[in-house]
PDB file of N, CA and C in Angstrom:
ATOM      1  N   MET A   1     225.393  47.398 249.840  1.00  0.00           N
ATOM      2  CA  MET A   1     226.224  48.573 250.027  1.00  0.00           C
ATOM      3  C   MET A   1     227.598  48.125 250.500  1.00  0.00           C
ATOM      4  N   THR A   2     228.629  48.826 250.092  1.00  0.00           N
ATOM      5  CA  THR A   2     229.986  48.492 250.499  1.00  0.00           C
ATOM      6  C   THR A   2     230.617  49.680 251.189  1.00  0.00           C
ATOM      7  N   ALA A   3     231.566  49.407 252.075  1.00  0.00           N
ATOM      8  CA  ALA A   3     232.324  50.482 252.703  1.00  0.00           C
ATOM      9  C   ALA A   3     233.265  51.063 251.664  1.00  0.00           C
ATOM     10  N   THR A   4     233.405  52.376 251.689  1.00  0.00           N
ATOM     11  CA  THR A   4     234.244  53.046 250.705  1.00  0.00           C
ATOM     12  C   THR A   4     235.310  53.868 251.406  1.00  0.00           C
ATOM     13  N   ALA A   5     236.550  53.675 251.016  1.00  0.00           N
ATOM     14  CA  ALA A   5     237.640  54.470 251.566  1.00  0.00           C
ATOM     15  C   ALA A   5     237.442  55.918 251.154  1.00  0.00           C
ATOM     16  N   GLY A   6     237.684  56.840 252.069  1.00  0.00           N
ATOM     17  CA  GLY A   6     237.580  58.255 251.773  1.00  0.00           C
ATOM     18  C   GLY A   6     236.171  58.803 251.880  1.00  0.00           C
ATOM     19  N   ALA A   7     235.177  57.957 252.143  1.00  0.00           N
ATOM     20  CA  ALA A   7     233.786  58.395 252.259  1.00  0.00           C
ATOM     21  C   ALA A   7     233.485  58.752 253.709  1.00  0.00           C
ATOM     22  N   PRO A   8     232.336  59.400 253.951  1.00  0.00           N
ATOM     23  CA  PRO A   8     231.941  59.648 255.339  1.00  0.00           C
ATOM     24  C   PRO A   8     231.958  58.333 256.099  1.00  0.00           C
ATOM     25  N   GLY A   9     232.456  58.363 257.326  1.00  0.00           N
ATOM     26  CA  GLY A   9     232.632  57.131 258.075  1.00  0.00           C
ATOM     27  C   GLY A   9     233.707  56.278 257.442  1.00  0.00           C
ATOM     28  N   ALA A  10     234.731  56.941 256.913  1.00  0.00           N
ATOM     29  CA  ALA A  10     235.792  56.284 256.144  1.00  0.00           C
ATOM     30  C   ALA A  10     236.424  55.138 256.914  1.00  0.00           C
ATOM     31  N   LEU A  11     237.116  54.319 256.178  1.00  0.00           N
ATOM     32  CA  LEU A  11     237.771  53.144 256.738  1.00  0.00           C
ATOM     33  C   LEU A  11     238.736  53.498 257.848  1.00  0.00           C
ATOM     34  N   THR A  12     238.759  52.641 258.831  1.00  0.00           N
ATOM     35  CA  THR A  12     239.743  52.730 259.904  1.00  0.00           C
ATOM     36  C   THR A  12     240.315  51.328 260.098  1.00  0.00           C
ATOM     37  N   LEU A  13     241.308  51.247 260.936  1.00  0.00           N
ATOM     38  CA  LEU A  13     241.886  49.948 261.254  1.00  0.00           C
ATOM     39  C   LEU A  13     241.332  49.387 262.557  1.00  0.00           C
ATOM     40  N   ASP A  14     240.229  49.952 263.052  1.00  0.00           N
ATOM     41  CA  ASP A  14     239.611  49.435 264.273  1.00  0.00           C
ATOM     42  C   ASP A  14     239.335  47.948 264.115  1.00  0.00           C
ATOM     43  N   GLY A  15     239.834  47.164 265.044  1.00  0.00           N
ATOM     44  CA  GLY A  15     239.609  45.730 265.001  1.00  0.00           C
ATOM     45  C   GLY A  15     240.542  44.958 264.088  1.00  0.00           C
ATOM     46  N   VAL A  16     241.458  45.646 263.414  1.00  0.00           N
ATOM     47  CA  VAL A  16     242.429  44.980 262.545  1.00  0.00           C
ATOM     48  C   VAL A  16     243.763  44.974 263.284  1.00  0.00           C
ATOM     49  N   ALA A  17     244.198  43.796 263.696  1.00  0.00           N
ATOM     50  CA  ALA A  17     245.397  43.668 264.524  1.00  0.00           C
ATOM     51  C   ALA A  17     246.662  44.068 263.772  1.00  0.00           C
ATOM     52  N   SER A  18     247.555  44.736 264.492  1.00  0.00           N
ATOM     53  CA  SER A  18     248.852  45.072 263.906  1.00  0.00           C
ATOM     54  C   SER A  18     249.910  44.033 264.283  1.00  0.00           C
ATOM     55  N   THR A  19     249.559  43.158 265.231  1.00  0.00           N
ATOM     56  CA  THR A  19     250.458  42.065 265.606  1.00  0.00           C
ATOM     57  C   THR A  19     249.681  40.750 265.602  1.00  0.00           C
ATOM     58  N   VAL A  20     250.395  39.680 265.322  1.00  0.00           N
ATOM     59  CA  VAL A  20     249.824  38.332 265.334  1.00  0.00           C
ATOM     60  C   VAL A  20     250.837  37.442 266.029  1.00  0.00           C
ATOM     61  N   GLY A  21     250.437  36.821 267.120  1.00  0.00           N
ATOM     62  CA  GLY A  21     251.336  35.920 267.830  1.00  0.00           C
ATOM     63  C   GLY A  21     252.631  36.575 268.272  1.00  0.00           C
ATOM     64  N   GLY A  22     252.567  37.849 268.650  1.00  0.00           N
ATOM     65  CA  GLY A  22     253.738  38.562 269.133  1.00  0.00           C
ATOM     66  C   GLY A  22     254.636  39.128 268.047  1.00  0.00           C
ATOM     67  N   ARG A  23     254.276  38.967 266.799  1.00  0.00           N
ATOM     68  CA  ARG A  23     255.070  39.534 265.706  1.00  0.00           C
ATOM     69  C   ARG A  23     254.221  40.539 264.943  1.00  0.00           C
ATOM     70  N   HIS A  24     254.871  41.373 264.152  1.00  0.00           N
ATOM     71  CA  HIS A  24     254.163  42.340 263.317  1.00  0.00           C
ATOM     72  C   HIS A  24     253.353  41.584 262.265  1.00  0.00           C
ATOM     73  N   ALA A  25     252.093  41.954 262.091  1.00  0.00           N
ATOM     74  CA  ALA A  25     251.226  41.278 261.116  1.00  0.00           C
ATOM     75  C   ALA A  25     251.679  41.595 259.692  1.00  0.00           C
ATOM     76  N   PHE A  26     251.649  40.600 258.847  1.00  0.00           N
ATOM     77  CA  PHE A  26     251.959  40.801 257.438  1.00  0.00           C
ATOM     78  C   PHE A  26     250.856  41.636 256.786  1.00  0.00           C
ATOM     79  N   VAL A  27     251.195  42.355 255.729  1.00  0.00           N
ATOM     80  CA  VAL A  27     250.207  43.152 254.997  1.00  0.00           C
ATOM     81  C   VAL A  27     249.060  42.251 254.555  1.00  0.00           C
ATOM     82  N   ARG A  28     249.365  41.061 254.082  1.00  0.00           N
ATOM     83  CA  ARG A  28     248.348  40.115 253.633  1.00  0.00           C
ATOM     84  C   ARG A  28     247.348  39.814 254.742  1.00  0.00           C
ATOM     85  N   GLU A  29     247.828  39.612 255.954  1.00  0.00           N
ATOM     86  CA  GLU A  29     246.946  39.321 257.088  1.00  0.00           C
ATOM     87  C   GLU A  29     246.054  40.515 257.415  1.00  0.00           C
ATOM     88  N   ARG A  30     246.612  41.698 257.327  1.00  0.00           N
ATOM     89  CA  ARG A  30     245.840  42.898 257.648  1.00  0.00           C
ATOM     90  C   ARG A  30     244.817  43.207 256.557  1.00  0.00           C
ATOM     91  N   VAL A  31     245.186  43.002 255.295  1.00  0.00           N
ATOM     92  CA  VAL A  31     244.230  43.203 254.198  1.00  0.00           C
ATOM     93  C   VAL A  31     243.071  42.217 254.355  1.00  0.00           C
ATOM     94  N   LEU A  32     243.371  40.961 254.630  1.00  0.00           N
ATOM     95  CA  LEU A  32     242.321  39.961 254.799  1.00  0.00           C
ATOM     96  C   LEU A  32     241.402  40.330 255.959  1.00  0.00           C
ATOM     97  N   ALA A  33     241.964  40.757 257.078  1.00  0.00           N
ATOM     98  CA  ALA A  33     241.143  41.145 258.232  1.00  0.00           C
ATOM     99  C   ALA A  33     240.243  42.325 257.895  1.00  0.00           C
ATOM    100  N   LEU A  34     240.780  43.292 257.173  1.00  0.00           N
ATOM    101  CA  LEU A  34     240.008  44.476 256.787  1.00  0.00           C
ATOM    102  C   LEU A  34     238.881  44.101 255.823  1.00  0.00           C
ATOM    103  N   VAL A  35     239.185  43.295 254.821  1.00  0.00           N
ATOM    104  CA  VAL A  35     238.163  42.870 253.857  1.00  0.00           C
ATOM    105  C   VAL A  35     237.100  42.026 254.566  1.00  0.00           C
ATOM    106  N   ALA A  36     237.514  41.133 255.461  1.00  0.00           N
ATOM    107  CA  ALA A  36     236.554  40.299 256.193  1.00  0.00           C
ATOM    108  C   ALA A  36     235.635  41.166 257.047  1.00  0.00           C
ATOM    109  N   ARG A  37     236.207  42.126 257.740  1.00  0.00           N
ATOM    110  CA  ARG A  37     235.395  43.013 258.583  1.00  0.00           C
ATOM    111  C   ARG A  37     234.374  43.775 257.745  1.00  0.00           C
ATOM    112  N   GLU A  38     234.810  44.341 256.629  1.00  0.00           N
ATOM    113  CA  GLU A  38     233.906  45.137 255.797  1.00  0.00           C
ATOM    114  C   GLU A  38     232.909  44.272 255.037  1.00  0.00           C
ATOM    115  N   THR A  39     233.279  43.028 254.711  1.00  0.00           N
ATOM    116  CA  THR A  39     232.321  42.110 254.093  1.00  0.00           C
ATOM    117  C   THR A  39     231.194  41.822 255.077  1.00  0.00           C
ATOM    118  N   GLU A  40     231.554  41.595 256.331  1.00  0.00           N
ATOM    119  CA  GLU A  40     230.546  41.325 257.359  1.00  0.00           C
ATOM    120  C   GLU A  40     229.692  42.560 257.633  1.00  0.00           C
ATOM    121  N   ARG A  41     230.316  43.716 257.709  1.00  0.00           N
ATOM    122  CA  ARG A  41     229.596  44.951 258.043  1.00  0.00           C
ATOM    123  C   ARG A  41     228.705  45.450 256.918  1.00  0.00           C
ATOM    124  N   SER A  42     229.235  45.447 255.694  1.00  0.00           N
ATOM    125  CA  SER A  42     228.508  46.140 254.628  1.00  0.00           C
ATOM    126  C   SER A  42     228.513  45.412 253.285  1.00  0.00           C
ATOM    127  N   GLY A  43     228.935  44.166 253.275  1.00  0.00           N
ATOM    128  CA  GLY A  43     228.890  43.405 252.037  1.00  0.00           C
ATOM    129  C   GLY A  43     230.143  43.468 251.194  1.00  0.00           C
ATOM    130  N   GLY A  44     231.118  44.258 251.599  1.00  0.00           N
ATOM    131  CA  GLY A  44     232.365  44.330 250.854  1.00  0.00           C
ATOM    132  C   GLY A  44     233.095  45.628 251.096  1.00  0.00           C
ATOM    133  N   LEU A  45     234.283  45.702 250.559  1.00  0.00           N
ATOM    134  CA  LEU A  45     235.152  46.863 250.707  1.00  0.00           C
ATOM    135  C   LEU A  45     235.449  47.439 249.337  1.00  0.00           C
ATOM    136  N   SER A  46     235.134  48.705 249.147  1.00  0.00           N
ATOM    137  CA  SER A  46     235.456  49.398 247.903  1.00  0.00           C
ATOM    138  C   SER A  46     236.591  50.363 248.201  1.00  0.00           C
ATOM    139  N   ALA A  47     237.771  50.040 247.708  1.00  0.00           N
ATOM    140  CA  ALA A  47     238.940  50.868 247.992  1.00  0.00           C
ATOM    141  C   ALA A  47     239.986  50.672 246.910  1.00  0.00           C
ATOM    142  N   THR A  48     240.735  51.731 246.640  1.00  0.00           N
ATOM    143  CA  THR A  48     241.859  51.595 245.723  1.00  0.00           C
ATOM    144  C   THR A  48     243.032  50.996 246.483  1.00  0.00           C
ATOM    145  N   LYS A  49     243.960  50.442 245.750  1.00  0.00           N
ATOM    146  CA  LYS A  49     245.164  49.911 246.386  1.00  0.00           C
ATOM    147  C   LYS A  49     245.942  51.033 247.060  1.00  0.00           C
ATOM    148  N   ARG A  50     245.915  52.207 246.483  1.00  0.00           N
ATOM    149  CA  ARG A  50     246.581  53.362 247.088  1.00  0.00           C
ATOM    150  C   ARG A  50     245.939  53.714 248.430  1.00  0.00           C
ATOM    151  N   ASP A  51     244.593  53.720 248.481  1.00  0.00           N
ATOM    152  CA  ASP A  51     243.898  53.988 249.745  1.00  0.00           C
ATOM    153  C   ASP A  51     244.284  52.967 250.808  1.00  0.00           C
ATOM    154  N   LEU A  52     244.315  51.700 250.423  1.00  0.00           N
ATOM    155  CA  LEU A  52     244.675  50.649 251.374  1.00  0.00           C
ATOM    156  C   LEU A  52     246.116  50.801 251.842  1.00  0.00           C
ATOM    157  N   ALA A  53     247.014  51.124 250.929  1.00  0.00           N
ATOM    158  CA  ALA A  53     248.420  51.311 251.298  1.00  0.00           C
ATOM    159  C   ALA A  53     248.573  52.454 252.297  1.00  0.00           C
ATOM    160  N   GLU A  54     247.890  53.560 252.057  1.00  0.00           N
ATOM    161  CA  GLU A  54     247.954  54.691 252.987  1.00  0.00           C
ATOM    162  C   GLU A  54     247.404  54.299 254.349  1.00  0.00           C
ATOM    163  N   LEU A  55     246.288  53.597 254.362  1.00  0.00           N
ATOM    164  CA  LEU A  55     245.668  53.175 255.613  1.00  0.00           C
ATOM    165  C   LEU A  55     246.574  52.230 256.394  1.00  0.00           C
ATOM    166  N   LEU A  56     247.219  51.312 255.691  1.00  0.00           N
ATOM    167  CA  LEU A  56     248.061  50.302 256.333  1.00  0.00           C
ATOM    168  C   LEU A  56     249.493  50.766 256.571  1.00  0.00           C
ATOM    169  N   GLY A  57     249.863  51.908 256.003  1.00  0.00           N
ATOM    170  CA  GLY A  57     251.214  52.421 256.200  1.00  0.00           C
ATOM    171  C   GLY A  57     252.268  51.633 255.448  1.00  0.00           C
ATOM    172  N   CYS A  58     251.930  51.210 254.235  1.00  0.00           N
ATOM    173  CA  CYS A  58     252.889  50.458 253.425  1.00  0.00           C
ATOM    174  C   CYS A  58     252.824  50.976 251.998  1.00  0.00           C
ATOM    175  N   ASP A  59     253.576  50.363 251.099  1.00  0.00           N
ATOM    176  CA  ASP A  59     253.537  50.837 249.713  1.00  0.00           C
ATOM    177  C   ASP A  59     252.501  50.057 248.903  1.00  0.00           C
ATOM    178  N   VAL A  60     252.133  50.623 247.778  1.00  0.00           N
ATOM    179  CA  VAL A  60     251.093  50.045 246.924  1.00  0.00           C
ATOM    180  C   VAL A  60     251.488  48.654 246.435  1.00  0.00           C
ATOM    181  N   SER A  61     252.771  48.443 246.156  1.00  0.00           N
ATOM    182  CA  SER A  61     253.188  47.126 245.661  1.00  0.00           C
ATOM    183  C   SER A  61     252.973  46.041 246.718  1.00  0.00           C
ATOM    184  N   SER A  62     253.105  46.384 247.993  1.00  0.00           N
ATOM    185  CA  SER A  62     252.837  45.407 249.060  1.00  0.00           C
ATOM    186  C   SER A  62     251.362  45.035 249.098  1.00  0.00           C
ATOM    187  N   VAL A  63     250.491  46.037 248.954  1.00  0.00           N
ATOM    188  CA  VAL A  63     249.049  45.782 248.924  1.00  0.00           C
ATOM    189  C   VAL A  63     248.692  44.967 247.682  1.00  0.00           C
ATOM    190  N   ASP A  64     249.262  45.322 246.542  1.00  0.00           N
ATOM    191  CA  ASP A  64     248.994  44.601 245.299  1.00  0.00           C
ATOM    192  C   ASP A  64     249.382  43.132 245.443  1.00  0.00           C
ATOM    193  N   GLY A  65     250.561  42.880 245.991  1.00  0.00           N
ATOM    194  CA  GLY A  65     251.009  41.503 246.194  1.00  0.00           C
ATOM    195  C   GLY A  65     250.108  40.740 247.152  1.00  0.00           C
ATOM    196  N   ALA A  66     249.669  41.416 248.215  1.00  0.00           N
ATOM    197  CA  ALA A  66     248.784  40.779 249.193  1.00  0.00           C
ATOM    198  C   ALA A  66     247.450  40.412 248.554  1.00  0.00           C
ATOM    199  N   ILE A  67     246.885  41.328 247.782  1.00  0.00           N
ATOM    200  CA  ILE A  67     245.599  41.071 247.128  1.00  0.00           C
ATOM    201  C   ILE A  67     245.731  39.938 246.113  1.00  0.00           C
ATOM    202  N   LYS A  68     246.799  39.946 245.331  1.00  0.00           N
ATOM    203  CA  LYS A  68     247.008  38.867 244.352  1.00  0.00           C
ATOM    204  C   LYS A  68     247.092  37.511 245.046  1.00  0.00           C
ATOM    205  N   ARG A  69     247.836  37.462 246.139  1.00  0.00           N
ATOM    206  CA  ARG A  69     247.990  36.195 246.855  1.00  0.00           C
ATOM    207  C   ARG A  69     246.658  35.746 247.469  1.00  0.00           C
ATOM    208  N   LEU A  70     245.925  36.676 248.079  1.00  0.00           N
ATOM    209  CA  LEU A  70     244.639  36.330 248.683  1.00  0.00           C
ATOM    210  C   LEU A  70     243.637  35.840 247.636  1.00  0.00           C
ATOM    211  N   ARG A  71     243.661  36.444 246.455  1.00  0.00           N
ATOM    212  CA  ARG A  71     242.783  35.975 245.368  1.00  0.00           C
ATOM    213  C   ARG A  71     243.207  34.587 244.906  1.00  0.00           C
ATOM    214  N   ARG A  72     244.510  34.405 244.728  1.00  0.00           N
ATOM    215  CA  ARG A  72     245.035  33.109 244.277  1.00  0.00           C
ATOM    216  C   ARG A  72     244.689  32.001 245.286  1.00  0.00           C
ATOM    217  N   GLU A  73     244.732  32.327 246.577  1.00  0.00           N
ATOM    218  CA  GLU A  73     244.400  31.358 247.630  1.00  0.00           C
ATOM    219  C   GLU A  73     242.895  31.132 247.753  1.00  0.00           C
ATOM    220  N   GLY A  74     242.098  31.975 247.098  1.00  0.00           N
ATOM    221  CA  GLY A  74     240.648  31.852 247.179  1.00  0.00           C
ATOM    222  C   GLY A  74     240.043  32.478 248.420  1.00  0.00           C
ATOM    223  N   ALA A  75     240.820  33.285 249.140  1.00  0.00           N
ATOM    224  CA  ALA A  75     240.328  33.915 250.371  1.00  0.00           C
ATOM    225  C   ALA A  75     239.441  35.120 250.088  1.00  0.00           C
ATOM    226  N   ILE A  76     239.723  35.826 248.985  1.00  0.00           N
ATOM    227  CA  ILE A  76     238.915  36.982 248.608  1.00  0.00           C
ATOM    228  C   ILE A  76     238.609  36.933 247.113  1.00  0.00           C
ATOM    229  N   VAL A  77     237.584  37.681 246.740  1.00  0.00           N
ATOM    230  CA  VAL A  77     237.269  37.920 245.332  1.00  0.00           C
ATOM    231  C   VAL A  77     237.189  39.424 245.145  1.00  0.00           C
ATOM    232  N   SER A  78     237.387  39.857 243.922  1.00  0.00           N
ATOM    233  CA  SER A  78     237.261  41.283 243.640  1.00  0.00           C
ATOM    234  C   SER A  78     236.426  41.465 242.389  1.00  0.00           C
ATOM    235  N   ALA A  79     235.742  42.593 242.352  1.00  0.00           N
ATOM    236  CA  ALA A  79     234.917  42.918 241.188  1.00  0.00           C
ATOM    237  C   ALA A  79     235.169  44.370 240.821  1.00  0.00           C
ATOM    238  N   PRO A  80     235.389  44.641 239.545  1.00  0.00           N
ATOM    239  CA  PRO A  80     235.597  46.029 239.128  1.00  0.00           C
ATOM    240  C   PRO A  80     234.288  46.809 239.194  1.00  0.00           C
ATOM    241  N   ARG A  81     234.406  48.108 239.381  1.00  0.00           N
ATOM    242  CA  ARG A  81     233.241  49.005 239.346  1.00  0.00           C
ATOM    243  C   ARG A  81     233.540  50.102 238.340  1.00  0.00           C
ATOM    244  N   PHE A  82     232.488  50.606 237.712  1.00  0.00           N
ATOM    245  CA  PHE A  82     232.643  51.638 236.694  1.00  0.00           C
ATOM    246  C   PHE A  82     231.632  52.748 236.924  1.00  0.00           C
ATOM    247  N   ASP A  83     232.016  53.977 236.565  1.00  0.00           N
ATOM    248  CA  ASP A  83     231.070  55.086 236.653  1.00  0.00           C
ATOM    249  C   ASP A  83     230.208  55.121 235.394  1.00  0.00           C
ATOM    250  N   GLU A  84     229.299  56.092 235.335  1.00  0.00           N
ATOM    251  CA  GLU A  84     228.344  56.183 234.229  1.00  0.00           C
ATOM    252  C   GLU A  84     229.014  56.326 232.869  1.00  0.00           C
ATOM    253  N   SER A  85     230.192  56.942 232.832  1.00  0.00           N
ATOM    254  CA  SER A  85     230.873  57.153 231.553  1.00  0.00           C
ATOM    255  C   SER A  85     231.835  56.015 231.201  1.00  0.00           C
ATOM    256  N   GLY A  86     231.869  54.976 232.034  1.00  0.00           N
ATOM    257  CA  GLY A  86     232.715  53.824 231.751  1.00  0.00           C
ATOM    258  C   GLY A  86     234.076  53.858 232.413  1.00  0.00           C
ATOM    259  N   GLY A  87     234.371  54.929 233.160  1.00  0.00           N
ATOM    260  CA  GLY A  87     235.650  55.008 233.864  1.00  0.00           C
ATOM    261  C   GLY A  87     235.677  54.059 235.048  1.00  0.00           C
ATOM    262  N   GLN A  88     236.821  53.420 235.259  1.00  0.00           N
ATOM    263  CA  GLN A  88     236.906  52.463 236.358  1.00  0.00           C
ATOM    264  C   GLN A  88     237.043  53.173 237.691  1.00  0.00           C
ATOM    265  N   LEU A  89     236.282  52.674 238.665  1.00  0.00           N
ATOM    266  CA  LEU A  89     236.345  53.135 240.046  1.00  0.00           C
ATOM    267  C   LEU A  89     237.105  52.090 240.859  1.00  0.00           C
ATOM    268  N   ALA A  90     237.165  52.284 242.161  1.00  0.00           N
ATOM    269  CA  ALA A  90     237.822  51.319 243.040  1.00  0.00           C
ATOM    270  C   ALA A  90     237.124  49.967 242.954  1.00  0.00           C
ATOM    271  N   ASN A  91     237.898  48.897 242.992  1.00  0.00           N
ATOM    272  CA  ASN A  91     237.329  47.551 243.018  1.00  0.00           C
ATOM    273  C   ASN A  91     236.578  47.322 244.319  1.00  0.00           C
ATOM    274  N   VAL A  92     235.682  46.347 244.301  1.00  0.00           N
ATOM    275  CA  VAL A  92     235.017  45.882 245.514  1.00  0.00           C
ATOM    276  C   VAL A  92     235.647  44.544 245.875  1.00  0.00           C
ATOM    277  N   TYR A  93     236.094  44.414 247.119  1.00  0.00           N
ATOM    278  CA  TYR A  93     236.717  43.190 247.616  1.00  0.00           C
ATOM    279  C   TYR A  93     235.791  42.550 248.643  1.00  0.00           C
ATOM    280  N   ARG A  94     235.657  41.225 248.569  1.00  0.00           N
ATOM    281  CA  ARG A  94     234.828  40.475 249.513  1.00  0.00           C
ATOM    282  C   ARG A  94     235.549  39.182 249.886  1.00  0.00           C
ATOM    283  N   THR A  95     235.313  38.734 251.116  1.00  0.00           N
ATOM    284  CA  THR A  95     235.829  37.419 251.493  1.00  0.00           C
ATOM    285  C   THR A  95     234.915  36.357 250.903  1.00  0.00           C
ATOM    286  N   THR A  96     235.443  35.163 250.740  1.00  0.00           N
ATOM    287  CA  THR A  96     234.685  34.094 250.100  1.00  0.00           C
ATOM    288  C   THR A  96     233.923  33.234 251.089  1.00  0.00           C
ATOM    289  N   SER A  97     234.213  33.345 252.354  1.00  0.00           N
ATOM    290  CA  SER A  97     233.471  32.531 253.325  1.00  0.00           C
ATOM    291  C   SER A  97     233.075  33.341 254.524  1.00  0.00           C
TER     292      SER A  97
END
């Protein structure tokens, strides 16, 4: 089972730091912390980039860039999900370690 944004018990930023070493945390750092927390709690995070942007208070392009970089670095993996009719749902994100 994965945590889903917008579902009962919806995602929060509890435990996801907004500062790192006295500076504002980068979107990439916050996305990684959120995915790591949800991977540990429920096996992964199912959320749209728009949901993540709203939660983090940034724009979708910042989340997209963070996810691309985290995937390229090998820190996270993502898997597409589809409904019964073949329509794409939110991806599932998981940390790799």
